[in-house]
Amino acid sequence: MKSNSISRRSLLKGMGALGMLKGLESIFPSYAWTSMPNATIQTPEISGNVINLTIAETPFRVDNLNATAMTVNGTVPGPLIRLQEGQNVTLKVTNHLKEASSIHWHGILLPPGMDGVPGVSFAGIEPGTTFVYQFPVKQSGTYWYHSHSGGQEQSGVYAPMIIDPIEPDPIQYDREYVVMLSDWSFESAKQMIAKLKKQSDYFNYQQRTLGEFFMDLKQKGWSATFDNYLAWAQMRMDPTDLGDVTSHAYTYLMNGLSPATNWTGIFNPGERVRLRFIQVGVMTFQDVRIPGLKMTVVQADGQNVQPIEVDEFRIGPAETYDVIVEPTEEHAYTIFAETMDRSGYARGTLAPHPGMSAAVPQRRPRPLRTMDDMGMDMSGMQMNNMEANAEHKSMHKHGMDMKIENPKLPSVEHHIPGMHDMEQMSVQVNRSEIPGSTPVKHGPDDHGT
């Protein structure tokens, strides 16, 4: 009897575990479960000329906490839609929410009425109704789709879209994964916006401390320290406020999974793996790196670019980057997407076998913004009032002759009374001041021609 009881208990536990697994599987799309045996996952994408999508509320679970998400076809993120450049597609979107909804096809070339922005290109999708999107697919690349209604995107209405090129893809790879980065909060978007309107740094728990103040006094002296603190106070801003909302309110997800859940993509050593990064966070910028692996950026926002090898790249809301990695060792690598304010991160794993993981990097120290970061030219503030007044009086007394030369316009000379001493004024157009910046070489952008 005892052995039968243990066997029965083990059986019940096993059934419970399977039930929980199936429950989780129903919440997350199949491409989020790449580490699971093939027998336990469904088709990883939907495609074809006619696609049906449903927006509804669905129970959602993050780190053992229950919530309700707004989902596309019952998952967060929604299903991966895979299209072919040159096809005509019909997407039927049914709204089962209690409020109006929409789907916007981000970055897609569309007829005006198919863009999916309520109040701009259409009226929205009322509860209990279906809207039919129809358009020719005129481009290729990595894109995504999401709700453009209220705070529904933050609540889970987002998903990836891949459009395969009509010509052979110039980017060679052996396997690919979508890596969708998002921010999840148990607070509604309306609640968060209300708090930010009352206090812009409401979610900033990384403000400068008294210890940092005394350190600044020691390193910079009284005058420079007080000038700096006063300048930020006069702007009603904070040099530590790098993101409106931090990890105090957000859990950062990778393909709908928290860092603790650890999304995993499988590879065979020596393969070229294409990672299609899509940042769908509402207001989160992340610095992405894979310790131990170089990344070669091959596409940005759906456009092929001249390949460039990087150790790390920054990705912001609505951006996409495709990178190639070539893991050669028989061990796991951590995909680490650290928030710009260093308050949190999303994390996943590339591994040769399911169940493996690698060390998770320590978060780096929180940076401080400077006046240069804010576009403030402080050099002009070095002139004291007497010098400024003297300069002003000199210009007013003598006057200036201005000669504007433009190769596209006839030569024109102007005389401004009171300004004679300056014979010519040249107007300079500011260019990027990023050290070593060069023009971006994009792939062809002649879609639809």
Foldseek 3Di string as FASTA:
>chain_A
DVVVVVVVVVVVVVVVVVVVVVVVLQAFAQLLAQQDPPVPHDPQADEDQEEEKEWDWEWDDAPNDIAIFTAINRYFQYGEYEAEAFGKHKYKYAYQYQAFKWKAWPPFDFDQLQRTADPGNHPTHGHGGIDIHIGHGFAFFKAKMAINDAQNLLRGGIDIYGYHYPDPDPDDFDEEGEKEKEKHFRDTPVVLVVQCVVPQQSQPPPADDPVVLVVCCVVPNDPVSVVQVVVCVVVVHGQLPPWSHFVVGIFMEISSHGQVVAREHADDAFTKYKYKYFYAYPIWKWKKAKPPKWKWWQDKSGWGFDTDIDRIDIDTHRIITIIITHHHDQAKIKTWIATLQQRHIGIHMYHNHRPGDDDDDRGDHGDTDDVVNVVDDCVVVVDDPVRVVVVVVQQQQAFAKEWDDDPVDPTDIDGDHSHHPHDYDDDDDDDDPDPPDDDIGTHDPPGPD
